[in-house]
Structure formats: structure tokens, C-alpha cells
Protein backbone atom coordinates (compact mmCIF):
# COMPACT_ATOMS: atom_id res chain seq x y z
CA MET A 1 13.56 -74.49 39.70
CA VAL A 2 10.14 -73.95 41.25
CA SER A 3 6.94 -74.81 39.40
CA THR A 4 5.39 -71.75 37.84
CA PRO A 5 1.74 -70.73 37.58
CA ARG A 6 0.50 -69.19 34.35
CA TYR A 7 1.69 -65.80 35.62
CA ARG A 8 4.11 -64.98 38.40
CA GLY A 9 5.36 -61.42 38.79
CA ARG A 10 7.61 -59.69 41.29
CA PHE A 11 8.75 -56.40 42.76
CA ALA A 12 12.45 -56.30 43.60
CA PRO A 13 13.52 -53.19 45.55
CA SER A 14 17.01 -52.46 46.81
CA PRO A 15 17.12 -51.58 50.53
CA THR A 16 18.86 -48.24 50.05
CA GLY A 17 16.21 -46.14 51.77
CA ALA A 18 12.49 -45.80 52.39
CA LEU A 19 9.99 -46.62 49.65
CA HIS A 20 9.57 -43.49 47.53
CA PHE A 21 6.80 -42.61 45.10
CA GLY A 22 8.57 -43.83 41.96
CA SER A 23 9.06 -47.27 43.49
CA LEU A 24 5.44 -47.30 44.64
CA VAL A 25 4.37 -46.78 41.02
CA ALA A 26 6.53 -49.71 39.92
CA ALA A 27 5.24 -51.94 42.71
CA LEU A 28 1.64 -51.04 41.96
CA GLY A 29 2.03 -51.63 38.23
CA SER A 30 3.55 -55.06 38.74
CA TRP A 31 0.91 -55.98 41.36
CA LEU A 32 -1.96 -54.95 39.07
CA ALA A 33 -0.53 -56.91 36.12
CA ALA A 34 -0.14 -60.05 38.23
CA ARG A 35 -3.61 -59.81 39.78
CA HIS A 36 -5.21 -59.03 36.41
CA ALA A 37 -3.67 -62.24 35.02
CA GLY A 38 -4.86 -64.26 38.02
CA GLY A 39 -1.26 -64.93 38.99
CA GLU A 40 1.06 -64.59 41.94
CA TRP A 41 3.02 -61.52 43.03
CA LEU A 42 6.30 -61.87 44.92
CA VAL A 43 8.72 -59.47 46.59
CA ARG A 44 12.48 -59.93 46.45
CA ILE A 45 14.85 -57.74 48.46
CA GLU A 46 17.93 -57.11 46.33
CA ASP A 47 20.46 -56.68 49.12
CA ILE A 48 23.68 -57.72 47.37
CA ASP A 49 25.39 -54.33 47.70
CA PRO A 50 26.07 -53.89 51.45
CA PRO A 51 27.92 -50.54 51.10
CA ARG A 52 24.73 -48.96 49.71
CA GLU A 53 22.28 -50.65 52.08
CA VAL A 54 20.54 -48.56 54.73
CA PRO A 55 19.94 -50.44 58.00
CA GLY A 56 16.25 -51.10 58.56
CA SER A 57 15.36 -50.21 54.98
CA ALA A 58 14.17 -53.68 53.96
CA ALA A 59 11.80 -53.94 56.91
CA SER A 60 10.53 -50.42 56.23
CA ILE A 61 9.85 -51.16 52.57
CA LEU A 62 7.95 -54.35 53.39
CA ALA A 63 5.86 -52.61 56.05
CA THR A 64 5.04 -49.77 53.67
CA LEU A 65 3.98 -52.15 50.91
CA ASP A 66 1.72 -53.91 53.38
CA ALA A 67 0.18 -50.60 54.47
CA PHE A 68 -0.62 -49.88 50.81
CA GLY A 69 -2.33 -53.26 50.40
CA LEU A 70 0.51 -54.69 48.33
CA SER A 71 1.32 -57.87 50.21
CA PRO A 72 3.23 -60.67 48.43
CA ASP A 73 1.78 -64.15 48.03
CA ARG A 74 4.91 -65.79 49.44
CA PRO A 75 7.43 -64.73 52.07
CA PRO A 76 9.95 -62.22 50.68
CA VAL A 77 13.34 -63.57 49.69
CA TYR A 78 16.66 -61.83 50.23
CA GLN A 79 19.45 -61.98 47.70
CA SER A 80 22.01 -61.91 50.51
CA THR A 81 20.91 -65.47 51.39
CA ARG A 82 21.26 -66.79 47.85
CA GLN A 83 25.01 -66.67 47.29
CA PRO A 84 25.33 -70.40 46.40
CA LEU A 85 22.94 -69.91 43.47
CA TYR A 86 25.10 -67.15 42.02
CA GLU A 87 28.28 -69.18 42.60
CA THR A 88 26.79 -72.07 40.64
CA ALA A 89 25.80 -69.84 37.72
CA PHE A 90 29.21 -68.16 37.73
CA ALA A 91 30.96 -71.54 37.68
CA GLN A 92 28.83 -72.59 34.72
CA LEU A 93 29.87 -69.49 32.78
CA ARG A 94 33.52 -69.89 33.76
CA ASP A 95 33.58 -73.55 32.74
CA ALA A 96 32.18 -72.54 29.36
CA ASP A 97 34.91 -69.86 29.00
CA GLN A 98 32.27 -67.12 28.86
CA VAL A 99 33.93 -64.95 31.53
CA PHE A 100 37.40 -63.57 32.12
CA PRO A 101 39.20 -61.76 34.95
CA CYS A 102 39.81 -58.06 34.37
CA TRP A 103 42.16 -55.59 36.06
CA CYS A 104 41.38 -52.66 33.71
CA SER A 105 41.13 -49.28 35.42
CA ARG A 106 38.55 -46.60 34.68
CA THR A 107 41.30 -44.61 32.98
CA GLU A 108 42.13 -47.49 30.66
CA LEU A 109 38.47 -48.01 29.81
CA ALA A 110 37.97 -44.28 29.14
CA ALA A 111 40.08 -44.68 26.02
CA HIS A 112 37.41 -47.09 24.73
CA GLY A 113 34.44 -44.88 25.58
CA GLY A 114 34.11 -46.41 29.02
CA LEU A 115 33.24 -49.86 27.64
CA HIS A 116 35.29 -53.04 27.47
CA ARG A 117 34.92 -54.83 24.12
CA ASP A 118 38.07 -56.94 23.78
CA GLY A 119 36.88 -60.25 25.20
CA HIS A 120 39.97 -60.35 27.39
CA CYS A 121 41.67 -57.99 29.84
CA VAL A 122 43.97 -55.49 28.14
CA ALA A 123 45.77 -54.67 31.40
CA PRO A 124 48.49 -56.93 32.82
CA PRO A 125 47.39 -59.26 35.64
CA ASP A 126 47.94 -57.78 39.08
CA PRO A 127 48.48 -60.49 41.73
CA THR A 128 48.27 -57.87 44.48
CA ARG A 129 44.55 -57.26 43.99
CA PRO A 130 41.52 -59.30 42.96
CA PRO A 131 40.03 -58.81 39.49
CA ALA A 132 36.55 -58.07 38.39
CA TRP A 133 34.97 -60.76 36.22
CA ARG A 134 33.44 -59.78 32.89
CA LEU A 135 31.23 -61.63 30.43
CA ARG A 136 32.63 -62.02 26.93
CA THR A 137 30.07 -60.14 24.86
CA PRO A 138 29.67 -61.09 21.18
CA ASP A 139 28.69 -58.80 18.34
CA LEU A 140 25.08 -59.81 18.84
CA THR A 141 21.84 -57.89 18.43
CA VAL A 142 19.21 -59.04 20.92
CA ARG A 143 15.59 -58.44 19.93
CA TRP A 144 12.53 -58.75 22.12
CA GLU A 145 8.98 -57.48 22.42
CA ASP A 146 8.23 -55.31 25.42
CA ASP A 147 4.58 -55.71 26.42
CA LEU A 148 4.16 -51.94 26.78
CA GLN A 149 7.04 -50.25 24.94
CA GLY A 150 6.82 -52.45 21.84
CA PRO A 151 9.63 -53.99 19.73
CA GLN A 152 13.14 -53.52 21.13
CA SER A 153 16.62 -54.32 19.87
CA GLU A 154 20.11 -53.75 21.24
CA ASN A 155 23.56 -54.67 20.04
CA LEU A 156 25.30 -56.02 23.12
CA ARG A 157 28.84 -55.14 22.11
CA ASP A 158 27.95 -51.58 21.12
CA VAL A 159 25.80 -50.78 24.16
CA ALA A 160 27.06 -52.95 27.01
CA GLY A 161 30.45 -54.31 26.00
CA ASP A 162 32.05 -56.97 28.19
CA PHE A 163 29.99 -56.18 31.26
CA VAL A 164 30.88 -57.05 34.85
CA ILE A 165 29.09 -59.93 36.52
CA ARG A 166 31.30 -60.10 39.64
CA ARG A 167 32.83 -56.98 41.06
CA VAL A 168 36.35 -56.44 42.36
CA GLU A 169 35.05 -56.60 45.93
CA GLY A 170 33.62 -60.05 45.24
CA LEU A 171 30.05 -58.72 45.16
CA TRP A 172 27.68 -60.07 42.52
CA ALA A 173 26.56 -57.69 39.82
CA TYR A 174 22.86 -56.96 39.45
CA GLN A 175 22.58 -58.55 35.99
CA LEU A 176 23.67 -62.04 37.08
CA ALA A 177 21.78 -62.10 40.39
CA CYS A 178 18.58 -60.84 38.80
CA VAL A 179 18.65 -63.47 36.05
CA VAL A 180 19.38 -66.32 38.44
CA ASP A 181 16.68 -65.27 40.90
CA ASP A 182 13.97 -64.69 38.30
CA ALA A 183 14.53 -68.21 36.98
CA GLU A 184 14.81 -69.88 40.38
CA GLN A 185 11.65 -68.15 41.61
CA GLY A 186 9.74 -69.09 38.46
CA ILE A 187 9.05 -65.49 37.44
CA SER A 188 7.08 -65.57 34.19
CA HIS A 189 6.66 -61.80 33.73
CA VAL A 190 8.89 -58.91 34.79
CA VAL A 191 7.12 -55.57 35.23
CA ARG A 192 9.51 -52.79 36.26
CA GLY A 193 10.57 -49.21 35.58
CA ALA A 194 11.80 -48.09 32.16
CA ASP A 195 15.19 -47.22 33.66
CA LEU A 196 15.91 -50.97 33.47
CA LEU A 197 14.90 -51.32 29.83
CA ASP A 198 18.55 -51.21 28.76
CA SER A 199 19.37 -54.09 31.13
CA THR A 200 17.00 -56.43 29.32
CA ALA A 201 19.28 -57.41 26.43
CA ARG A 202 22.08 -58.34 28.83
CA GLN A 203 19.69 -60.38 30.93
CA ILE A 204 18.23 -62.21 27.93
CA HIS A 205 21.75 -63.06 26.75
CA LEU A 206 22.67 -64.40 30.19
CA GLN A 207 19.48 -66.47 30.25
CA HIS A 208 20.45 -68.07 26.95
CA LEU A 209 24.00 -68.82 28.14
CA LEU A 210 22.74 -70.38 31.38
CA GLY A 211 19.91 -72.32 29.74
CA LEU A 212 17.25 -70.38 31.66
CA PRO A 213 13.79 -69.32 30.44
CA THR A 214 13.18 -65.76 29.31
CA PRO A 215 10.19 -64.12 31.00
CA GLY A 216 7.93 -61.56 29.41
CA TYR A 217 8.94 -57.94 30.01
CA LEU A 218 6.90 -54.79 30.54
CA HIS A 219 8.64 -51.52 31.37
CA LEU A 220 6.59 -48.86 33.10
CA PRO A 221 7.06 -45.10 32.64
CA LEU A 222 9.36 -43.43 35.12
CA VAL A 223 8.33 -40.72 37.54
CA LEU A 224 10.70 -37.80 36.98
CA ASP A 225 11.35 -34.65 38.94
CA ALA A 226 11.03 -31.13 37.51
CA GLU A 227 14.58 -31.39 36.09
CA GLY A 228 13.82 -34.64 34.31
CA ARG A 229 15.76 -36.86 36.71
CA LYS A 230 14.53 -40.23 37.90
CA LEU A 231 12.75 -39.58 41.18
CA SER A 232 14.90 -42.01 43.18
CA LYS A 233 17.98 -39.95 42.22
CA SER A 234 16.33 -36.66 43.12
CA ALA A 235 16.06 -34.58 46.25
CA ALA A 236 12.31 -34.74 45.63
CA ALA A 237 12.29 -38.49 46.37
CA LEU A 238 10.50 -38.19 49.67
CA PRO A 239 9.16 -41.43 51.15
CA VAL A 240 5.49 -42.17 50.83
CA ASP A 241 3.47 -42.05 54.04
CA ALA A 242 2.53 -45.53 55.25
CA ALA A 243 0.27 -43.94 57.89
CA ASP A 244 -1.79 -42.19 55.18
CA PRO A 245 -1.53 -44.32 52.04
CA MET A 246 -4.63 -43.19 50.12
CA PRO A 247 -3.32 -39.94 48.55
CA ALA A 248 -0.16 -41.57 47.21
CA LEU A 249 -2.07 -44.66 46.05
CA ARG A 250 -4.55 -42.56 44.07
CA LEU A 251 -1.74 -40.49 42.57
CA ALA A 252 0.20 -43.65 41.64
CA LEU A 253 -2.81 -44.94 39.69
CA ASP A 254 -3.01 -41.62 37.90
CA ARG A 255 0.71 -41.70 37.06
CA LEU A 256 0.24 -45.13 35.51
CA GLY A 257 -2.36 -43.58 33.22
CA LEU A 258 -5.23 -45.43 34.86
CA ALA A 259 -8.65 -44.16 35.85
CA VAL A 260 -8.71 -43.44 39.57
CA PRO A 261 -11.76 -44.98 41.21
CA SER A 262 -14.00 -42.53 43.00
CA ARG A 263 -14.87 -45.19 45.54
CA GLY A 264 -12.69 -47.07 47.98
CA GLY A 265 -11.96 -45.69 51.41
CA THR A 266 -9.19 -48.17 52.22
CA PRO A 267 -6.19 -49.35 50.19
CA ALA A 268 -7.73 -52.80 49.77
CA ALA A 269 -11.03 -51.36 48.53
CA LEU A 270 -9.31 -48.91 46.19
CA LEU A 271 -7.09 -51.62 44.73
CA ASP A 272 -10.05 -53.93 44.25
CA GLU A 273 -11.95 -51.22 42.40
CA ALA A 274 -8.91 -50.30 40.28
CA LEU A 275 -8.37 -53.93 39.35
CA ARG A 276 -11.91 -54.26 38.02
CA GLY A 277 -11.19 -51.82 35.21
CA PHE A 278 -7.52 -52.59 34.71
CA ALA A 279 -5.93 -53.65 31.42
CA PRO A 280 -2.16 -53.62 30.79
CA ALA A 281 -2.73 -51.91 27.44
CA ALA A 282 -4.13 -48.89 29.30
CA LEU A 283 -0.83 -48.17 31.07
CA ARG A 284 0.95 -44.95 30.18
CA ARG A 285 3.93 -45.63 27.92
CA SER A 286 6.13 -42.58 28.41
CA SER A 287 7.72 -41.10 31.52
CA LEU A 288 6.05 -38.22 33.30
CA GLY A 289 7.91 -35.19 34.58
CA ALA A 290 7.37 -32.90 37.56
CA SER A 291 7.54 -34.60 40.92
CA PRO A 292 4.26 -35.27 42.72
CA THR A 293 3.09 -33.45 45.81
CA LEU A 294 1.90 -35.97 48.37
């Protein structure tokens, strides 16, 4: 595990398209928090789902971040290059009998509300096809303090059930890869969108099972479209303009609930001015509807 400064944050986009405004807000929030703490800010490309990846997307996202003045302190890392780390973590869980193979179909799970809570597969083994691998989830309530949203608690069995950590196709699930990478990169604080708030209990539980540290968490408000949908899932999720970053950058500060500096004619100058008056406690807590016009 790498040595960690007092604060190390990260932005971890999936390369499924161009950087849209909602992701810009998340990137900006995490960057501001890291810089305010005098820490480092990293970028991790979460490219472990090839069927959803858009060719050229990762390079486009990195170039756009750079155009907005959001450049990481270390070279970006790619999850697709980190398979041995996930294999090692999976082997640790398997050796501890924390995971089990599962051939349950969606139809079979529908009878249980879509969740698997048995701790073992209720379908007969099928040697003709590979299984998914699930984590045995106890009747455990995980509690944590979100640095913006306040006290949180979630019963793992009720909310998540025996969740998948390795998919039928052999692809690693987000929960396992995220936990392994945050620890290996020495991430001390995770600042991300509130759509991932319900992933936090699963990730904290995995950290405990793997003997990994638990970072601090801060979940930013989502940017929603006029119908209340997360912007990345909406037809309104147009990419931000890397050739003209100032309008979107000013609007992103506003969406975070921060005062927008009147000065700053370049992204670097605007960010520097915004950072002078920044405090994490000033961030907006709740999601904001109606998609922006850029």
C-alpha cells in the first residue's frame, strides 16, 4: 500500500462517454476538498466493464478535465491494468469462506424481492456455465458519518443482500474494485455523487473483511434533469465544452452551493479564487433539479 499524505482524494469516472455536467460537478467538488485540505487529488479510470466502454472516452475525459484546470497530481491509473490486485482480494475472501458461487437467475431472485439473502446459492450448480460470485452478507447494520450528509446507517442484508463481487462474465464488480483501489492508492477521503451513498455500507464491510482502512466519505448533491433523473441517465446529459470551459465551471460552482467569484478569466484563475473562500461545510447538501443550460 502506498504512503498517504494527510489528505488524498480522487475522481473515478467510467469511460462510457464524454464528461457531462453532473460528473464535472463531482470532479470539481472532490478537487476543491483535496486542495482545501492541502492534499493530493488523483484520477482513476474505472474501465472494468468493456461492454459499456466507449472507445476514446477515457482520453476525452482526461483532456476535458485538464481544460477545466482539474489536473491530477499523479498519472491516472486504469482499473483494466489492475486485475492481479482484484484476484488477490477475491482469493482472500474465498479462503475465508466469505464468498460463494451462484447460478440464480433473475426470475429466481424476483421471488425474494430481487435480492439474494441465503448465504448460499438456492439454484442447482450448472456445470455448463460459469457462476457469479456473491459475498455472504450478515444481518449487520453499518453506521458511518458522512462529512456532508451526516449520520448514516444501513442494514446490509435488508438493503444489499448477498451482493455480486464477480460477475458471470468474469468481470469484477464495482464494489470490490473500488475498495481495493482506494486502499492501494492510499485514498484518505472519498468525495463523490450522492447516487453512490448506498454503496458505502457495502464498501465499508468489504474494507473490514479485507483488513483495509476506511476513508472518510462526503457525498455531493446530484444534478438532476427536469424529470428528476440523474443527469448522466438523461437525454439532457450533454458533454461540457472543453473549448469554452468558463460557463460550465461557473455553473458547477453554483450547483455546489458555492459563491461564484466575479474575477478569474481563466479556469486556473477562477479555481484559485474559488478555493480562497471554500469550506466543505458550505457545500449544498441536497440534489438540485432542472438540467443546466450551458
